[in-house]
Amino acid sequence: MTREVHIASCVVYARPEAVDRVSRVIHEARLAEVHAADHRGRIVIVLEGASDASIVDAMEAIRLLSGVLAVHLVYQHCEEEEALQEAP
């Protein structure tokens, strides 16, 4: 049986004063990879999981963090793990 890999990109909107703390918590809790953040409160993250439910669960955990205003899904992709291991 092949394993699916779900990858999603999101923008987290946080209070400007909470950006550093929220980014750190997301990283330390291994909820997602933090790729960028700005002083206005936007944090760009990438999530990876075994199912679409795992992506939604991670998004919800991030949304519930103190200082987070919203989490918006930008892109989601699902592929078999074997296909991701193949050379281009």
N, C-alpha and C. Protein backbone atom coordinates (compact mmCIF):
# COMPACT_ATOMS: atom_id res chain seq x y z
N MET A 1 0.85 -1.18 0.00
CA MET A 1 0.00 0.00 0.00
C MET A 1 0.89 1.24 0.00
N THR A 2 0.57 2.18 -0.86
CA THR A 2 1.38 3.39 -0.95
C THR A 2 0.91 4.42 0.07
N ARG A 3 1.86 5.17 0.53
CA ARG A 3 1.58 6.21 1.53
C ARG A 3 1.44 7.55 0.82
N GLU A 4 0.43 8.31 1.20
CA GLU A 4 0.23 9.65 0.65
C GLU A 4 0.97 10.68 1.49
N VAL A 5 1.43 11.71 0.83
CA VAL A 5 2.04 12.85 1.52
C VAL A 5 1.22 14.08 1.13
N HIS A 6 0.73 14.76 2.13
CA HIS A 6 -0.05 15.98 1.92
C HIS A 6 0.82 17.17 2.30
N ILE A 7 0.90 18.14 1.41
CA ILE A 7 1.69 19.34 1.62
C ILE A 7 0.78 20.54 1.45
N ALA A 8 0.88 21.48 2.37
CA ALA A 8 0.04 22.67 2.29
C ALA A 8 0.85 23.90 2.67
N SER A 9 0.50 25.00 2.07
CA SER A 9 1.10 26.29 2.41
C SER A 9 0.00 27.18 2.95
N CYS A 10 0.32 27.91 4.01
CA CYS A 10 -0.66 28.79 4.65
C CYS A 10 -0.02 30.12 5.01
N VAL A 11 -0.88 31.10 5.17
CA VAL A 11 -0.46 32.37 5.76
C VAL A 11 -1.17 32.48 7.10
N VAL A 12 -0.37 32.67 8.14
CA VAL A 12 -0.89 32.87 9.49
C VAL A 12 -0.89 34.37 9.73
N TYR A 13 -2.02 34.87 10.18
CA TYR A 13 -2.10 36.29 10.54
C TYR A 13 -2.10 36.37 12.07
N ALA A 14 -1.09 37.05 12.59
CA ALA A 14 -0.94 37.18 14.04
C ALA A 14 -0.85 38.65 14.42
N ARG A 15 -1.08 38.92 15.67
CA ARG A 15 -0.86 40.28 16.16
C ARG A 15 0.62 40.61 15.96
N PRO A 16 0.92 41.81 15.48
CA PRO A 16 2.32 42.15 15.20
C PRO A 16 3.27 41.88 16.38
N GLU A 17 2.81 42.16 17.59
CA GLU A 17 3.67 41.95 18.76
C GLU A 17 3.85 40.48 19.10
N ALA A 18 3.06 39.59 18.48
CA ALA A 18 3.14 38.16 18.77
C ALA A 18 3.85 37.35 17.70
N VAL A 19 4.27 37.99 16.62
CA VAL A 19 4.84 37.27 15.48
C VAL A 19 6.03 36.39 15.88
N ASP A 20 6.97 36.94 16.60
CA ASP A 20 8.17 36.16 16.96
C ASP A 20 7.80 34.96 17.84
N ARG A 21 6.94 35.18 18.83
CA ARG A 21 6.55 34.11 19.74
C ARG A 21 5.75 33.03 18.99
N VAL A 22 4.80 33.44 18.17
CA VAL A 22 3.99 32.48 17.42
C VAL A 22 4.87 31.68 16.47
N SER A 23 5.78 32.34 15.77
CA SER A 23 6.70 31.64 14.86
C SER A 23 7.52 30.61 15.62
N ARG A 24 8.01 30.99 16.79
CA ARG A 24 8.83 30.09 17.60
C ARG A 24 8.02 28.88 18.07
N VAL A 25 6.78 29.11 18.53
CA VAL A 25 5.93 28.02 19.00
C VAL A 25 5.60 27.06 17.85
N ILE A 26 5.27 27.59 16.69
CA ILE A 26 4.97 26.74 15.53
C ILE A 26 6.17 25.85 15.21
N HIS A 27 7.36 26.44 15.22
CA HIS A 27 8.58 25.69 14.92
C HIS A 27 8.88 24.66 16.00
N GLU A 28 8.88 25.08 17.27
CA GLU A 28 9.25 24.18 18.36
C GLU A 28 8.25 23.04 18.54
N ALA A 29 6.98 23.28 18.27
CA ALA A 29 5.96 22.25 18.39
C ALA A 29 5.91 21.36 17.15
N ARG A 30 6.73 21.69 16.16
CA ARG A 30 6.79 20.94 14.90
C ARG A 30 5.42 20.87 14.21
N LEU A 31 4.69 21.96 14.31
CA LEU A 31 3.40 22.03 13.63
C LEU A 31 3.58 22.31 12.15
N ALA A 32 4.65 23.06 11.82
CA ALA A 32 4.90 23.45 10.43
C ALA A 32 6.30 24.02 10.33
N GLU A 33 6.75 24.20 9.09
CA GLU A 33 7.99 24.92 8.83
C GLU A 33 7.64 26.39 8.62
N VAL A 34 8.34 27.26 9.32
CA VAL A 34 8.13 28.69 9.16
C VAL A 34 9.12 29.18 8.11
N HIS A 35 8.60 29.75 7.02
CA HIS A 35 9.46 30.20 5.93
C HIS A 35 9.69 31.70 5.91
N ALA A 36 8.76 32.47 6.44
CA ALA A 36 8.92 33.92 6.44
C ALA A 36 7.94 34.52 7.45
N ALA A 37 8.31 35.69 7.95
CA ALA A 37 7.43 36.44 8.84
C ALA A 37 7.76 37.92 8.67
N ASP A 38 6.76 38.76 8.88
CA ASP A 38 7.03 40.19 8.79
C ASP A 38 6.47 40.92 10.00
N HIS A 39 6.85 42.16 10.13
CA HIS A 39 6.47 42.97 11.29
C HIS A 39 4.98 43.33 11.31
N ARG A 40 4.28 43.09 10.20
CA ARG A 40 2.84 43.40 10.13
C ARG A 40 1.98 42.25 10.63
N GLY A 41 2.58 41.10 10.90
CA GLY A 41 1.84 39.99 11.46
C GLY A 41 1.63 38.80 10.55
N ARG A 42 2.22 38.81 9.38
CA ARG A 42 2.05 37.68 8.46
C ARG A 42 3.18 36.68 8.64
N ILE A 43 2.82 35.40 8.70
CA ILE A 43 3.78 34.31 8.83
C ILE A 43 3.46 33.29 7.74
N VAL A 44 4.43 32.95 6.92
CA VAL A 44 4.24 31.97 5.85
C VAL A 44 4.75 30.62 6.35
N ILE A 45 3.89 29.61 6.28
CA ILE A 45 4.26 28.28 6.77
C ILE A 45 3.99 27.22 5.72
N VAL A 46 4.68 26.09 5.87
CA VAL A 46 4.43 24.91 5.05
C VAL A 46 4.19 23.74 6.00
N LEU A 47 3.11 23.03 5.77
CA LEU A 47 2.75 21.87 6.59
C LEU A 47 2.90 20.61 5.75
N GLU A 48 3.23 19.50 6.41
CA GLU A 48 3.30 18.21 5.74
C GLU A 48 2.67 17.18 6.65
N GLY A 49 1.85 16.30 6.07
CA GLY A 49 1.20 15.29 6.87
C GLY A 49 0.80 14.09 6.04
N ALA A 50 0.27 13.07 6.73
CA ALA A 50 -0.11 11.83 6.08
C ALA A 50 -1.53 11.85 5.53
N SER A 51 -2.29 12.89 5.89
CA SER A 51 -3.68 12.97 5.41
C SER A 51 -4.13 14.43 5.40
N ASP A 52 -5.23 14.67 4.71
CA ASP A 52 -5.78 16.02 4.73
C ASP A 52 -6.25 16.38 6.14
N ALA A 53 -6.70 15.39 6.90
CA ALA A 53 -7.12 15.64 8.28
C ALA A 53 -5.96 16.11 9.15
N SER A 54 -4.77 15.57 8.91
CA SER A 54 -3.60 16.00 9.69
C SER A 54 -3.24 17.45 9.38
N ILE A 55 -3.45 17.87 8.15
CA ILE A 55 -3.20 19.26 7.77
C ILE A 55 -4.21 20.18 8.47
N VAL A 56 -5.46 19.79 8.44
CA VAL A 56 -6.51 20.58 9.10
C VAL A 56 -6.26 20.64 10.61
N ASP A 57 -5.86 19.54 11.21
CA ASP A 57 -5.58 19.51 12.65
C ASP A 57 -4.44 20.47 13.00
N ALA A 58 -3.38 20.48 12.19
CA ALA A 58 -2.26 21.39 12.45
C ALA A 58 -2.69 22.84 12.28
N MET A 59 -3.48 23.11 11.25
CA MET A 59 -3.98 24.48 11.04
C MET A 59 -4.83 24.92 12.24
N GLU A 60 -5.65 24.03 12.75
CA GLU A 60 -6.49 24.37 13.89
C GLU A 60 -5.65 24.60 15.15
N ALA A 61 -4.62 23.79 15.35
CA ALA A 61 -3.74 23.98 16.51
C ALA A 61 -3.04 25.34 16.43
N ILE A 62 -2.64 25.74 15.24
CA ILE A 62 -2.00 27.04 15.06
C ILE A 62 -3.01 28.16 15.28
N ARG A 63 -4.21 27.99 14.76
CA ARG A 63 -5.26 29.01 14.92
C ARG A 63 -5.57 29.28 16.39
N LEU A 64 -5.44 28.26 17.22
CA LEU A 64 -5.76 28.39 18.64
C LEU A 64 -4.62 29.00 19.47
N LEU A 65 -3.46 29.23 18.86
CA LEU A 65 -2.35 29.84 19.60
C LEU A 65 -2.68 31.28 19.98
N SER A 66 -2.27 31.66 21.15
CA SER A 66 -2.48 33.03 21.61
C SER A 66 -1.79 34.01 20.66
N GLY A 67 -2.51 35.01 20.22
CA GLY A 67 -1.96 36.02 19.32
C GLY A 67 -2.25 35.78 17.86
N VAL A 68 -2.77 34.59 17.52
CA VAL A 68 -3.10 34.28 16.12
C VAL A 68 -4.52 34.78 15.84
N LEU A 69 -4.65 35.50 14.74
CA LEU A 69 -5.95 36.03 14.32
C LEU A 69 -6.65 35.13 13.32
N ALA A 70 -5.86 34.52 12.41
CA ALA A 70 -6.44 33.67 11.37
C ALA A 70 -5.34 32.84 10.71
N VAL A 71 -5.76 31.72 10.11
CA VAL A 71 -4.87 30.87 9.32
C VAL A 71 -5.57 30.64 7.99
N HIS A 72 -4.92 31.04 6.90
CA HIS A 72 -5.52 30.90 5.57
C HIS A 72 -4.73 29.92 4.73
N LEU A 73 -5.42 28.93 4.19
CA LEU A 73 -4.81 27.96 3.29
C LEU A 73 -4.56 28.64 1.94
N VAL A 74 -3.34 28.51 1.45
CA VAL A 74 -2.98 29.09 0.16
C VAL A 74 -2.91 28.01 -0.91
N TYR A 75 -2.33 26.86 -0.55
CA TYR A 75 -2.12 25.79 -1.52
C TYR A 75 -2.09 24.47 -0.80
N GLN A 76 -2.64 23.42 -1.43
CA GLN A 76 -2.58 22.08 -0.87
C GLN A 76 -2.34 21.10 -2.00
N HIS A 77 -1.48 20.12 -1.74
CA HIS A 77 -1.12 19.13 -2.76
C HIS A 77 -1.00 17.78 -2.08
N CYS A 78 -1.43 16.74 -2.78
CA CYS A 78 -1.30 15.37 -2.29
C CYS A 78 -0.61 14.54 -3.36
N GLU A 79 0.35 13.73 -2.92
CA GLU A 79 1.08 12.89 -3.85
C GLU A 79 1.52 11.62 -3.13
N GLU A 80 1.70 10.56 -3.88
CA GLU A 80 2.22 9.34 -3.29
C GLU A 80 3.67 9.55 -2.91
N GLU A 81 4.05 9.01 -1.76
CA GLU A 81 5.41 9.18 -1.25
C GLU A 81 6.45 8.68 -2.26
N GLU A 82 6.19 7.60 -2.91
CA GLU A 82 7.12 7.03 -3.89
C GLU A 82 7.42 8.02 -5.01
N ALA A 83 6.41 8.73 -5.46
CA ALA A 83 6.58 9.70 -6.55
C ALA A 83 7.48 10.85 -6.11
N LEU A 84 7.42 11.22 -4.83
CA LEU A 84 8.27 12.31 -4.34
C LEU A 84 9.72 11.89 -4.22
N GLN A 85 9.97 10.59 -4.12
CA GLN A 85 11.33 10.06 -3.98
C GLN A 85 12.04 9.93 -5.32
N GLU A 86 11.29 9.91 -6.42
CA GLU A 86 11.85 9.75 -7.75
C GLU A 86 12.62 10.99 -8.17
N ALA A 87 13.72 10.77 -8.90
CA ALA A 87 14.52 11.88 -9.41
C ALA A 87 13.74 12.55 -10.55
N PRO A 88 13.83 13.87 -10.67
CA PRO A 88 13.12 14.57 -11.75
C PRO A 88 13.66 14.23 -13.12
